[in-house]
Full PDB file with SEQRES, HELIX, SHEET, SSBOND, CRYST1, ORIGX, SCALE, CONECT and MASTER records, all heavy atoms in Angstrom:
SEQRES   1 A   44  ALA THR SER THR VAL THR ARG ALA TYR ALA LYS GLY ASP          
SEQRES   2 A   44  GLN ALA GLU GLN ILE ARG ALA CYS ALA LEU ALA VAL ALA          
SEQRES   3 A   44  ARG GLU LEU ILE ALA ALA GLU THR HIS LEU ALA ASP LEU          
SEQRES   4 A   44  ASP SER GLN ALA GLY                                          
HELIX    1 AA1 ALA A   15  ALA A   31  1                                  17    
HELIX    2 AA2 GLU A   33  ALA A   43  1                                  11    
CRYST1    1.000    1.000    1.000  90.00  90.00  90.00 P 1           1          
ORIGX1      1.000000  0.000000  0.000000        0.00000                         
ORIGX2      0.000000  1.000000  0.000000        0.00000                         
ORIGX3      0.000000  0.000000  1.000000        0.00000                         
SCALE1      1.000000  0.000000  0.000000        0.00000                         
SCALE2      0.000000  1.000000  0.000000        0.00000                         
SCALE3      0.000000  0.000000  1.000000        0.00000                         
ATOM      1  N   ALA A   1     -79.268 -26.663  69.457  1.00  0.00           N  
ATOM      2  CA  ALA A   1     -78.061 -27.431  69.721  1.00  0.00           C  
ATOM      3  C   ALA A   1     -77.889 -27.629  71.223  1.00  0.00           C  
ATOM      4  O   ALA A   1     -78.101 -26.708  72.020  1.00  0.00           O  
ATOM      5  CB  ALA A   1     -76.846 -26.712  69.146  1.00  0.00           C  
ATOM      6  N   THR A   2     -77.514 -28.834  71.625  1.00  0.00           N  
ATOM      7  CA  THR A   2     -77.321 -29.139  73.046  1.00  0.00           C  
ATOM      8  C   THR A   2     -75.935 -29.693  73.337  1.00  0.00           C  
ATOM      9  O   THR A   2     -75.663 -30.111  74.458  1.00  0.00           O  
ATOM     10  CB  THR A   2     -78.370 -30.157  73.526  1.00  0.00           C  
ATOM     11  OG1 THR A   2     -78.261 -31.357  72.735  1.00  0.00           O  
ATOM     12  CG2 THR A   2     -79.780 -29.595  73.410  1.00  0.00           C  
ATOM     13  N   SER A   3     -75.079 -29.721  72.338  1.00  0.00           N  
ATOM     14  CA  SER A   3     -73.741 -30.296  72.536  1.00  0.00           C  
ATOM     15  C   SER A   3     -72.947 -29.472  73.537  1.00  0.00           C  
ATOM     16  O   SER A   3     -73.019 -28.241  73.575  1.00  0.00           O  
ATOM     17  CB  SER A   3     -72.992 -30.348  71.210  1.00  0.00           C  
ATOM     18  OG  SER A   3     -71.652 -30.784  71.411  1.00  0.00           O  
ATOM     19  N   THR A   4     -72.175 -30.180  74.367  1.00  0.00           N  
ATOM     20  CA  THR A   4     -71.279 -29.498  75.305  1.00  0.00           C  
ATOM     21  C   THR A   4     -69.890 -29.326  74.718  1.00  0.00           C  
ATOM     22  O   THR A   4     -69.018 -28.745  75.355  1.00  0.00           O  
ATOM     23  CB  THR A   4     -71.175 -30.302  76.617  1.00  0.00           C  
ATOM     24  OG1 THR A   4     -70.667 -31.613  76.320  1.00  0.00           O  
ATOM     25  CG2 THR A   4     -72.528 -30.424  77.283  1.00  0.00           C  
ATOM     26  N   VAL A   5     -69.669 -29.843  73.511  1.00  0.00           N  
ATOM     27  CA  VAL A   5     -68.369 -29.697  72.846  1.00  0.00           C  
ATOM     28  C   VAL A   5     -68.398 -28.398  72.056  1.00  0.00           C  
ATOM     29  O   VAL A   5     -69.145 -28.257  71.091  1.00  0.00           O  
ATOM     30  CB  VAL A   5     -68.083 -30.893  71.914  1.00  0.00           C  
ATOM     31  CG1 VAL A   5     -66.719 -30.731  71.258  1.00  0.00           C  
ATOM     32  CG2 VAL A   5     -68.144 -32.195  72.700  1.00  0.00           C  
ATOM     33  N   THR A   6     -67.588 -27.451  72.471  1.00  0.00           N  
ATOM     34  CA  THR A   6     -67.690 -26.105  71.900  1.00  0.00           C  
ATOM     35  C   THR A   6     -66.483 -25.703  71.061  1.00  0.00           C  
ATOM     36  O   THR A   6     -66.454 -24.602  70.522  1.00  0.00           O  
ATOM     37  CB  THR A   6     -67.865 -25.080  73.032  1.00  0.00           C  
ATOM     38  OG1 THR A   6     -66.751 -25.185  73.935  1.00  0.00           O  
ATOM     39  CG2 THR A   6     -69.163 -25.330  73.780  1.00  0.00           C  
ATOM     40  N   ARG A   7     -65.472 -26.564  70.941  1.00  0.00           N  
ATOM     41  CA  ARG A   7     -64.309 -26.185  70.141  1.00  0.00           C  
ATOM     42  C   ARG A   7     -63.652 -27.418  69.543  1.00  0.00           C  
ATOM     43  O   ARG A   7     -63.929 -28.549  69.948  1.00  0.00           O  
ATOM     44  CB  ARG A   7     -63.293 -25.432  71.005  1.00  0.00           C  
ATOM     45  CG  ARG A   7     -62.675 -26.270  72.123  1.00  0.00           C  
ATOM     46  CD  ARG A   7     -61.775 -25.398  72.996  1.00  0.00           C  
ATOM     47  NE  ARG A   7     -61.166 -26.172  74.075  1.00  0.00           N  
ATOM     48  CZ  ARG A   7     -60.009 -26.827  73.957  1.00  0.00           C  
ATOM     49  NH1 ARG A   7     -59.350 -26.803  72.795  1.00  0.00           N  
ATOM     50  NH2 ARG A   7     -59.505 -27.481  74.980  1.00  0.00           N  
ATOM     51  N   ALA A   8     -62.803 -27.197  68.557  1.00  0.00           N  
ATOM     52  CA  ALA A   8     -62.060 -28.280  67.916  1.00  0.00           C  
ATOM     53  C   ALA A   8     -60.782 -28.549  68.704  1.00  0.00           C  
ATOM     54  O   ALA A   8     -60.243 -27.662  69.379  1.00  0.00           O  
ATOM     55  CB  ALA A   8     -61.735 -27.908  66.482  1.00  0.00           C  
ATOM     56  N   TYR A   9     -60.284 -29.768  68.614  1.00  0.00           N  
ATOM     57  CA  TYR A   9     -59.094 -30.183  69.329  1.00  0.00           C  
ATOM     58  C   TYR A   9     -58.057 -30.702  68.336  1.00  0.00           C  
ATOM     59  O   TYR A   9     -58.374 -31.513  67.465  1.00  0.00           O  
ATOM     60  CB  TYR A   9     -59.412 -31.292  70.336  1.00  0.00           C  
ATOM     61  CG  TYR A   9     -60.340 -30.880  71.446  1.00  0.00           C  
ATOM     62  CD1 TYR A   9     -61.720 -30.852  71.254  1.00  0.00           C  
ATOM     63  CD2 TYR A   9     -59.849 -30.512  72.693  1.00  0.00           C  
ATOM     64  CE1 TYR A   9     -62.582 -30.475  72.274  1.00  0.00           C  
ATOM     65  CE2 TYR A   9     -60.703 -30.141  73.721  1.00  0.00           C  
ATOM     66  CZ  TYR A   9     -62.072 -30.119  73.508  1.00  0.00           C  
ATOM     67  OH  TYR A   9     -62.909 -29.744  74.517  1.00  0.00           O  
ATOM     68  N   ALA A  10     -56.808 -30.239  68.486  1.00  0.00           N  
ATOM     69  CA  ALA A  10     -55.730 -30.762  67.643  1.00  0.00           C  
ATOM     70  C   ALA A  10     -55.451 -32.208  68.002  1.00  0.00           C  
ATOM     71  O   ALA A  10     -55.565 -32.613  69.166  1.00  0.00           O  
ATOM     72  CB  ALA A  10     -54.469 -29.910  67.832  1.00  0.00           C  
ATOM     73  N   LYS A  11     -55.071 -32.986  67.020  1.00  0.00           N  
ATOM     74  CA  LYS A  11     -54.872 -34.419  67.218  1.00  0.00           C  
ATOM     75  C   LYS A  11     -53.626 -34.677  68.058  1.00  0.00           C  
ATOM     76  O   LYS A  11     -52.526 -34.204  67.741  1.00  0.00           O  
ATOM     77  CB  LYS A  11     -54.763 -35.130  65.878  1.00  0.00           C  
ATOM     78  CG  LYS A  11     -54.705 -36.639  65.987  1.00  0.00           C  
ATOM     79  CD  LYS A  11     -54.752 -37.286  64.615  1.00  0.00           C  
ATOM     80  CE  LYS A  11     -54.763 -38.802  64.715  1.00  0.00           C  
ATOM     81  NZ  LYS A  11     -54.845 -39.443  63.375  1.00  0.00           N  
ATOM     82  N   GLY A  12     -53.785 -35.450  69.130  1.00  0.00           N  
ATOM     83  CA  GLY A  12     -52.672 -35.810  69.991  1.00  0.00           C  
ATOM     84  C   GLY A  12     -52.147 -37.200  69.689  1.00  0.00           C  
ATOM     85  O   GLY A  12     -52.734 -37.962  68.911  1.00  0.00           O  
ATOM     86  N   ASP A  13     -51.050 -37.563  70.371  1.00  0.00           N  
ATOM     87  CA  ASP A  13     -50.404 -38.848  70.108  1.00  0.00           C  
ATOM     88  C   ASP A  13     -51.241 -40.046  70.562  1.00  0.00           C  
ATOM     89  O   ASP A  13     -51.037 -41.162  70.078  1.00  0.00           O  
ATOM     90  CB  ASP A  13     -49.039 -38.887  70.798  1.00  0.00           C  
ATOM     91  CG  ASP A  13     -48.044 -37.920  70.169  1.00  0.00           C  
ATOM     92  OD1 ASP A  13     -48.285 -37.508  69.012  1.00  0.00           O  
ATOM     93  OD2 ASP A  13     -47.054 -37.573  70.838  1.00  0.00           O  
ATOM     94  N   GLN A  14     -52.171 -39.850  71.473  1.00  0.00           N  
ATOM     95  CA  GLN A  14     -52.975 -40.972  71.984  1.00  0.00           C  
ATOM     96  C   GLN A  14     -54.273 -41.171  71.214  1.00  0.00           C  
ATOM     97  O   GLN A  14     -55.048 -42.075  71.524  1.00  0.00           O  
ATOM     98  CB  GLN A  14     -53.293 -40.751  73.466  1.00  0.00           C  
ATOM     99  CG  GLN A  14     -52.091 -40.831  74.375  1.00  0.00           C  
ATOM    100  CD  GLN A  14     -52.449 -40.582  75.820  1.00  0.00           C  
ATOM    101  OE1 GLN A  14     -53.367 -39.797  76.110  1.00  0.00           O  
ATOM    102  NE2 GLN A  14     -51.731 -41.208  76.739  1.00  0.00           N  
ATOM    103  N   ALA A  15     -54.520 -40.343  70.197  1.00  0.00           N  
ATOM    104  CA  ALA A  15     -55.820 -40.351  69.521  1.00  0.00           C  
ATOM    105  C   ALA A  15     -56.194 -41.720  68.968  1.00  0.00           C  
ATOM    106  O   ALA A  15     -57.320 -42.206  69.166  1.00  0.00           O  
ATOM    107  CB  ALA A  15     -55.842 -39.306  68.404  1.00  0.00           C  
ATOM    108  N   GLU A  16     -55.253 -42.363  68.272  1.00  0.00           N  
ATOM    109  CA  GLU A  16     -55.571 -43.640  67.646  1.00  0.00           C  
ATOM    110  C   GLU A  16     -55.905 -44.702  68.684  1.00  0.00           C  
ATOM    111  O   GLU A  16     -56.840 -45.494  68.515  1.00  0.00           O  
ATOM    112  CB  GLU A  16     -54.411 -44.098  66.762  1.00  0.00           C  
ATOM    113  CG  GLU A  16     -54.135 -43.197  65.584  1.00  0.00           C  
ATOM    114  CD  GLU A  16     -55.321 -43.093  64.643  1.00  0.00           C  
ATOM    115  OE1 GLU A  16     -56.107 -44.070  64.553  1.00  0.00           O  
ATOM    116  OE2 GLU A  16     -55.484 -42.038  63.993  1.00  0.00           O  
ATOM    117  N   GLN A  17     -55.133 -44.731  69.774  1.00  0.00           N  
ATOM    118  CA  GLN A  17     -55.385 -45.750  70.786  1.00  0.00           C  
ATOM    119  C   GLN A  17     -56.679 -45.471  71.561  1.00  0.00           C  
ATOM    120  O   GLN A  17     -57.397 -46.386  71.935  1.00  0.00           O  
ATOM    121  CB  GLN A  17     -54.207 -45.860  71.742  1.00  0.00           C  
ATOM    122  CG  GLN A  17     -54.243 -47.153  72.559  1.00  0.00           C  
ATOM    123  CD  GLN A  17     -53.000 -47.391  73.373  1.00  0.00           C  
ATOM    124  OE1 GLN A  17     -52.157 -46.506  73.495  1.00  0.00           O  
ATOM    125  NE2 GLN A  17     -52.884 -48.570  73.947  1.00  0.00           N  
ATOM    126  N   ILE A  18     -56.962 -44.198  71.796  1.00  0.00           N  
ATOM    127  CA  ILE A  18     -58.237 -43.862  72.451  1.00  0.00           C  
ATOM    128  C   ILE A  18     -59.413 -44.341  71.599  1.00  0.00           C  
ATOM    129  O   ILE A  18     -60.356 -44.955  72.104  1.00  0.00           O  
ATOM    130  CB  ILE A  18     -58.325 -42.340  72.697  1.00  0.00           C  
ATOM    131  CG1 ILE A  18     -57.289 -41.902  73.729  1.00  0.00           C  
ATOM    132  CG2 ILE A  18     -59.734 -41.967  73.166  1.00  0.00           C  
ATOM    133  CD1 ILE A  18     -57.197 -40.387  73.890  1.00  0.00           C  
ATOM    134  N   ARG A  19     -59.320 -44.070  70.310  1.00  0.00           N  
ATOM    135  CA  ARG A  19     -60.400 -44.504  69.409  1.00  0.00           C  
ATOM    136  C   ARG A  19     -60.515 -46.028  69.366  1.00  0.00           C  
ATOM    137  O   ARG A  19     -61.629 -46.575  69.389  1.00  0.00           O  
ATOM    138  CB  ARG A  19     -60.172 -43.957  68.005  1.00  0.00           C  
ATOM    139  CG  ARG A  19     -61.272 -44.311  67.009  1.00  0.00           C  
ATOM    140  CD  ARG A  19     -61.127 -43.510  65.719  1.00  0.00           C  
ATOM    141  NE  ARG A  19     -62.216 -43.823  64.801  1.00  0.00           N  
ATOM    142  CZ  ARG A  19     -62.117 -44.724  63.816  1.00  0.00           C  
ATOM    143  NH1 ARG A  19     -60.982 -45.389  63.626  1.00  0.00           N  
ATOM    144  NH2 ARG A  19     -63.150 -44.957  63.030  1.00  0.00           N  
ATOM    145  N   ALA A  20     -59.372 -46.709  69.341  1.00  0.00           N  
ATOM    146  CA  ALA A  20     -59.398 -48.175  69.318  1.00  0.00           C  
ATOM    147  C   ALA A  20     -60.069 -48.725  70.575  1.00  0.00           C  
ATOM    148  O   ALA A  20     -60.850 -49.687  70.518  1.00  0.00           O  
ATOM    149  CB  ALA A  20     -57.977 -48.719  69.182  1.00  0.00           C  
ATOM    150  N   CYS A  21     -59.784 -48.129  71.718  1.00  0.00           N  
ATOM    151  CA  CYS A  21     -60.424 -48.581  72.966  1.00  0.00           C  
ATOM    152  C   CYS A  21     -61.926 -48.323  72.940  1.00  0.00           C  
ATOM    153  O   CYS A  21     -62.721 -49.166  73.379  1.00  0.00           O  
ATOM    154  CB  CYS A  21     -59.776 -47.875  74.156  1.00  0.00           C  
ATOM    155  SG  CYS A  21     -58.132 -48.490  74.568  1.00  0.00           S  
ATOM    156  N   ALA A  22     -62.321 -47.164  72.432  1.00  0.00           N  
ATOM    157  CA  ALA A  22     -63.752 -46.841  72.368  1.00  0.00           C  
ATOM    158  C   ALA A  22     -64.493 -47.812  71.453  1.00  0.00           C  
ATOM    159  O   ALA A  22     -65.596 -48.276  71.778  1.00  0.00           O  
ATOM    160  CB  ALA A  22     -63.939 -45.407  71.888  1.00  0.00           C  
ATOM    161  N   LEU A  23     -63.889 -48.143  70.329  1.00  0.00           N  
ATOM    162  CA  LEU A  23     -64.533 -49.086  69.407  1.00  0.00           C  
ATOM    163  C   LEU A  23     -64.554 -50.487  69.986  1.00  0.00           C  
ATOM    164  O   LEU A  23     -65.499 -51.262  69.742  1.00  0.00           O  
ATOM    165  CB  LEU A  23     -63.811 -49.068  68.056  1.00  0.00           C  
ATOM    166  CG  LEU A  23     -63.912 -47.743  67.283  1.00  0.00           C  
ATOM    167  CD1 LEU A  23     -63.134 -47.835  65.969  1.00  0.00           C  
ATOM    168  CD2 LEU A  23     -65.376 -47.383  67.013  1.00  0.00           C  
ATOM    169  N   ALA A  24     -63.548 -50.841  70.771  1.00  0.00           N  
ATOM    170  CA  ALA A  24     -63.558 -52.141  71.448  1.00  0.00           C  
ATOM    171  C   ALA A  24     -64.707 -52.216  72.448  1.00  0.00           C  
ATOM    172  O   ALA A  24     -65.382 -53.254  72.584  1.00  0.00           O  
ATOM    173  CB  ALA A  24     -62.217 -52.374  72.146  1.00  0.00           C  
ATOM    174  N   VAL A  25     -64.932 -51.118  73.157  1.00  0.00           N  
ATOM    175  CA  VAL A  25     -66.072 -51.048  74.076  1.00  0.00           C  
ATOM    176  C   VAL A  25     -67.382 -51.235  73.310  1.00  0.00           C  
ATOM    177  O   VAL A  25     -68.269 -51.991  73.727  1.00  0.00           O  
ATOM    178  CB  VAL A  25     -66.069 -49.703  74.819  1.00  0.00           C  
ATOM    179  CG1 VAL A  25     -67.405 -49.481  75.535  1.00  0.00           C  
ATOM    180  CG2 VAL A  25     -64.930 -49.650  75.822  1.00  0.00           C  
ATOM    181  N   ALA A  26     -67.508 -50.557  72.165  1.00  0.00           N  
ATOM    182  CA  ALA A  26     -68.737 -50.661  71.376  1.00  0.00           C  
ATOM    183  C   ALA A  26     -68.969 -52.099  70.924  1.00  0.00           C  
ATOM    184  O   ALA A  26     -70.090 -52.620  71.021  1.00  0.00           O  
ATOM    185  CB  ALA A  26     -68.661 -49.728  70.164  1.00  0.00           C  
ATOM    186  N   ARG A  27     -67.922 -52.772  70.446  1.00  0.00           N  
ATOM    187  CA  ARG A  27     -68.080 -54.156  70.008  1.00  0.00           C  
ATOM    188  C   ARG A  27     -68.529 -55.050  71.150  1.00  0.00           C  
ATOM    189  O   ARG A  27     -69.402 -55.910  70.987  1.00  0.00           O  
ATOM    190  CB  ARG A  27     -66.755 -54.677  69.430  1.00  0.00           C  
ATOM    191  CG  ARG A  27     -66.386 -54.093  68.072  1.00  0.00           C  
ATOM    192  CD  ARG A  27     -65.245 -54.870  67.442  1.00  0.00           C  
ATOM    193  NE  ARG A  27     -64.025 -54.834  68.256  1.00  0.00           N  
ATOM    194  CZ  ARG A  27     -63.096 -53.884  68.170  1.00  0.00           C  
ATOM    195  NH1 ARG A  27     -63.253 -52.891  67.305  1.00  0.00           N  
ATOM    196  NH2 ARG A  27     -62.005 -53.930  68.927  1.00  0.00           N  
ATOM    197  N   GLU A  28     -67.951 -54.864  72.316  1.00  0.00           N  
ATOM    198  CA  GLU A  28     -68.297 -55.710  73.459  1.00  0.00           C  
ATOM    199  C   GLU A  28     -69.742 -55.498  73.906  1.00  0.00           C  
ATOM    200  O   GLU A  28     -70.455 -56.452  74.215  1.00  0.00           O  
ATOM    201  CB  GLU A  28     -67.343 -55.421  74.621  1.00  0.00           C  
ATOM    202  CG  GLU A  28     -67.597 -56.253  75.871  1.00  0.00           C  
ATOM    203  CD  GLU A  28     -67.447 -57.739  75.625  1.00  0.00           C  
ATOM    204  OE1 GLU A  28     -66.615 -58.137  74.779  1.00  0.00           O  
ATOM    205  OE2 GLU A  28     -68.158 -58.520  76.293  1.00  0.00           O  
ATOM    206  N   LEU A  29     -70.188 -54.261  73.925  1.00  0.00           N  
ATOM    207  CA  LEU A  29     -71.562 -53.985  74.355  1.00  0.00           C  
ATOM    208  C   LEU A  29     -72.577 -54.536  73.357  1.00  0.00           C  
ATOM    209  O   LEU A  29     -73.644 -55.029  73.757  1.00  0.00           O  
ATOM    210  CB  LEU A  29     -71.760 -52.487  74.550  1.00  0.00           C  
ATOM    211  CG  LEU A  29     -70.976 -51.865  75.709  1.00  0.00           C  
ATOM    212  CD1 LEU A  29     -71.213 -50.367  75.768  1.00  0.00           C  
ATOM    213  CD2 LEU A  29     -71.349 -52.518  77.044  1.00  0.00           C  
ATOM    214  N   ILE A  30     -72.269 -54.468  72.089  1.00  0.00           N  
ATOM    215  CA  ILE A  30     -73.163 -55.040  71.083  1.00  0.00           C  
ATOM    216  C   ILE A  30     -73.231 -56.550  71.237  1.00  0.00           C  
ATOM    217  O   ILE A  30     -74.313 -57.150  71.194  1.00  0.00           O  
ATOM    218  CB  ILE A  30     -72.711 -54.629  69.668  1.00  0.00           C  
ATOM    219  CG1 ILE A  30     -72.943 -53.135  69.448  1.00  0.00           C  
ATOM    220  CG2 ILE A  30     -73.446 -55.450  68.605  1.00  0.00           C  
ATOM    221  CD1 ILE A  30     -72.343 -52.593  68.174  1.00  0.00           C  
ATOM    222  N   ALA A  31     -72.090 -57.185  71.444  1.00  0.00           N  
ATOM    223  CA  ALA A  31     -72.061 -58.637  71.608  1.00  0.00           C  
ATOM    224  C   ALA A  31     -72.804 -59.086  72.862  1.00  0.00           C  
ATOM    225  O   ALA A  31     -73.346 -60.200  72.912  1.00  0.00           O  
ATOM    226  CB  ALA A  31     -70.611 -59.117  71.660  1.00  0.00           C  
ATOM    227  N   ALA A  32     -72.849 -58.222  73.881  1.00  0.00           N  
ATOM    228  CA  ALA A  32     -73.467 -58.587  75.161  1.00  0.00           C  
ATOM    229  C   ALA A  32     -74.934 -58.201  75.252  1.00  0.00           C  
ATOM    230  O   ALA A  32     -75.538 -58.331  76.328  1.00  0.00           O  
ATOM    231  CB  ALA A  32     -72.696 -57.933  76.304  1.00  0.00           C  
ATOM    232  N   GLU A  33     -75.541 -57.751  74.161  1.00  0.00           N  
ATOM    233  CA  GLU A  33     -76.916 -57.246  74.225  1.00  0.00           C  
ATOM    234  C   GLU A  33     -77.872 -58.250  74.862  1.00  0.00           C  
ATOM    235  O   GLU A  33     -78.625 -57.925  75.793  1.00  0.00           O  
ATOM    236  CB  GLU A  33     -77.416 -56.884  72.825  1.00  0.00           C  
ATOM    237  CG  GLU A  33     -78.878 -56.406  72.842  1.00  0.00           C  
ATOM    238  CD  GLU A  33     -79.431 -56.090  71.477  1.00  0.00           C  
ATOM    239  OE1 GLU A  33     -78.738 -56.381  70.466  1.00  0.00           O  
ATOM    240  OE2 GLU A  33     -80.552 -55.548  71.393  1.00  0.00           O  
ATOM    241  N   THR A  34     -77.879 -59.471  74.374  1.00  0.00           N  
ATOM    242  CA  THR A  34     -78.830 -60.473  74.886  1.00  0.00           C  
ATOM    243  C   THR A  34     -78.587 -60.756  76.355  1.00  0.00           C  
ATOM    244  O   THR A  34     -79.531 -60.853  77.156  1.00  0.00           O  
ATOM    245  CB  THR A  34     -78.719 -61.760  74.065  1.00  0.00           C  
ATOM    246  OG1 THR A  34     -78.993 -61.468  72.693  1.00  0.00           O  
ATOM    247  CG2 THR A  34     -79.710 -62.804  74.567  1.00  0.00           C  
ATOM    248  N   HIS A  35     -77.315 -60.897  76.742  1.00  0.00           N  
ATOM    249  CA  HIS A  35     -76.977 -61.178  78.142  1.00  0.00           C  
ATOM    250  C   HIS A  35     -77.442 -60.057  79.054  1.00  0.00           C  
ATOM    251  O   HIS A  35     -78.067 -60.306  80.105  1.00  0.00           O  
ATOM    252  CB  HIS A  35     -75.469 -61.387  78.256  1.00  0.00           C  
ATOM    253  CG  HIS A  35     -74.987 -61.636  79.658  1.00  0.00           C  
ATOM    254  ND1 HIS A  35     -75.576 -62.567  80.498  1.00  0.00           N  
ATOM    255  CD2 HIS A  35     -73.972 -61.068  80.374  1.00  0.00           C  
ATOM    256  CE1 HIS A  35     -74.955 -62.569  81.675  1.00  0.00           C  
ATOM    257  NE2 HIS A  35     -73.988 -61.668  81.618  1.00  0.00           N  
ATOM    258  N   LEU A  36     -77.170 -58.819  78.666  1.00  0.00           N  
ATOM    259  CA  LEU A  36     -77.575 -57.689  79.499  1.00  0.00           C  
ATOM    260  C   LEU A  36     -79.092 -57.538  79.548  1.00  0.00           C  
ATOM    261  O   LEU A  36     -79.657 -57.203  80.592  1.00  0.00           O  
ATOM    262  CB  LEU A  36     -76.926 -56.406  78.975  1.00  0.00           C  
ATOM    263  CG  LEU A  36     -75.398 -56.350  79.068  1.00  0.00           C  
ATOM    264  CD1 LEU A  36     -74.872 -55.080  78.410  1.00  0.00           C  
ATOM    265  CD2 LEU A  36     -74.939 -56.431  80.519  1.00  0.00           C  
ATOM    266  N   ALA A  37     -79.759 -57.781  78.415  1.00  0.00           N  
ATOM    267  CA  ALA A  37     -81.226 -57.697  78.400  1.00  0.00           C  
ATOM    268  C   ALA A  37     -81.830 -58.740  79.320  1.00  0.00           C  
ATOM    269  O   ALA A  37     -82.812 -58.481  80.034  1.00  0.00           O  
ATOM    270  CB  ALA A  37     -81.739 -57.877  76.975  1.00  0.00           C  
ATOM    271  N   ASP A  38     -81.259 -59.942  79.320  1.00  0.00           N  
ATOM    272  CA  ASP A  38     -81.779 -61.012  80.179  1.00  0.00           C  
ATOM    273  C   ASP A  38     -81.612 -60.664  81.646  1.00  0.00           C  
ATOM    274  O   ASP A  38     -82.542 -60.828  82.448  1.00  0.00           O  
ATOM    275  CB  ASP A  38     -81.057 -62.318  79.851  1.00  0.00           C  
ATOM    276  CG  ASP A  38     -81.548 -63.467  80.721  1.00  0.00           C  
ATOM    277  OD1 ASP A  38     -82.747 -63.806  80.635  1.00  0.00           O  
ATOM    278  OD2 ASP A  38     -80.744 -64.018  81.500  1.00  0.00           O  
ATOM    279  N   LEU A  39     -80.442 -60.158  82.020  1.00  0.00           N  
ATOM    280  CA  LEU A  39     -80.232 -59.759  83.417  1.00  0.00           C  
ATOM    281  C   LEU A  39     -81.216 -58.666  83.823  1.00  0.00           C  
ATOM    282  O   LEU A  39     -81.826 -58.729  84.898  1.00  0.00           O  
ATOM    283  CB  LEU A  39     -78.798 -59.268  83.602  1.00  0.00           C  
ATOM    284  CG  LEU A  39     -77.678 -60.311  83.563  1.00  0.00           C  
ATOM    285  CD1 LEU A  39     -76.326 -59.618  83.631  1.00  0.00           C  
ATOM    286  CD2 LEU A  39     -77.821 -61.308  84.704  1.00  0.00           C  
ATOM    287  N   ASP A  40     -81.356 -57.678  82.966  1.00  0.00           N  
ATOM    288  CA  ASP A  40     -82.219 -56.546  83.295  1.00  0.00           C  
ATOM    289  C   ASP A  40     -83.686 -56.943  83.350  1.00  0.00           C  
ATOM    290  O   ASP A  40     -84.458 -56.402  84.150  1.00  0.00           O  
ATOM    291  CB  ASP A  40     -82.012 -55.429  82.270  1.00  0.00           C  
ATOM    292  CG  ASP A  40     -82.578 -54.102  82.732  1.00  0.00           C  
ATOM    293  OD1 ASP A  40     -82.448 -53.784  83.924  1.00  0.00           O  
ATOM    294  OD2 ASP A  40     -83.160 -53.386  81.907  1.00  0.00           O  
ATOM    295  N   SER A  41     -84.093 -57.881  82.506  1.00  0.00           N  
ATOM    296  CA  SER A  41     -85.497 -58.299  82.507  1.00  0.00           C  
ATOM    297  C   SER A  41     -85.874 -59.050  83.775  1.00  0.00           C  
ATOM    298  O   SER A  41     -87.040 -59.094  84.155  1.00  0.00           O  
ATOM    299  CB  SER A  41     -85.787 -59.176  81.283  1.00  0.00           C  
ATOM    300  OG  SER A  41     -85.073 -60.391  81.362  1.00  0.00           O  
ATOM    301  N   GLN A  42     -84.886 -59.633  84.437  1.00  0.00           N  
ATOM    302  CA  GLN A  42     -85.170 -60.371  85.674  1.00  0.00           C  
ATOM    303  C   GLN A  42     -85.311 -59.465  86.884  1.00  0.00           C  
ATOM    304  O   GLN A  42     -85.855 -59.877  87.908  1.00  0.00           O  
ATOM    305  CB  GLN A  42     -84.063 -61.403  85.933  1.00  0.00           C  
ATOM    306  CG  GLN A  42     -83.981 -62.499  84.878  1.00  0.00           C  
ATOM    307  CD  GLN A  42     -82.892 -63.497  85.181  1.00  0.00           C  
ATOM    308  OE1 GLN A  42     -82.942 -64.202  86.191  1.00  0.00           O  
ATOM    309  NE2 GLN A  42     -81.886 -63.557  84.317  1.00  0.00           N  
ATOM    310  N   ALA A  43     -84.815 -58.248  86.764  1.00  0.00           N  
ATOM    311  CA  ALA A  43     -84.898 -57.340  87.911  1.00  0.00           C  
ATOM    312  C   ALA A  43     -85.251 -55.918  87.521  1.00  0.00           C  
ATOM    313  O   ALA A  43     -85.214 -55.023  88.354  1.00  0.00           O  
ATOM    314  CB  ALA A  43     -83.556 -57.341  88.661  1.00  0.00           C  
ATOM    315  N   GLY A  44     -85.596 -55.697  86.250  1.00  0.00           N  
ATOM    316  CA  GLY A  44     -85.938 -54.353  85.792  1.00  0.00           C  
ATOM    317  C   GLY A  44     -86.880 -54.418  84.626  1.00  0.00           C  
ATOM    318  O   GLY A  44     -87.722 -55.313  84.550  1.00  0.00           O  
TER     319      GLY A  44                                                      
MASTER        0    0    0    2    0    0    0    6  318    1    0    4          
END                                                                             
């Protein structure tokens, strides 16, 4: 095991909004795959 998360956390009031923001980030990165690959292929 290599996880740095060593304990459970009680659910706080911001949990739902934090998760919504994280999933919004995931959707945006998936949608931008081709654009980011093209940029990176030109210089990496």
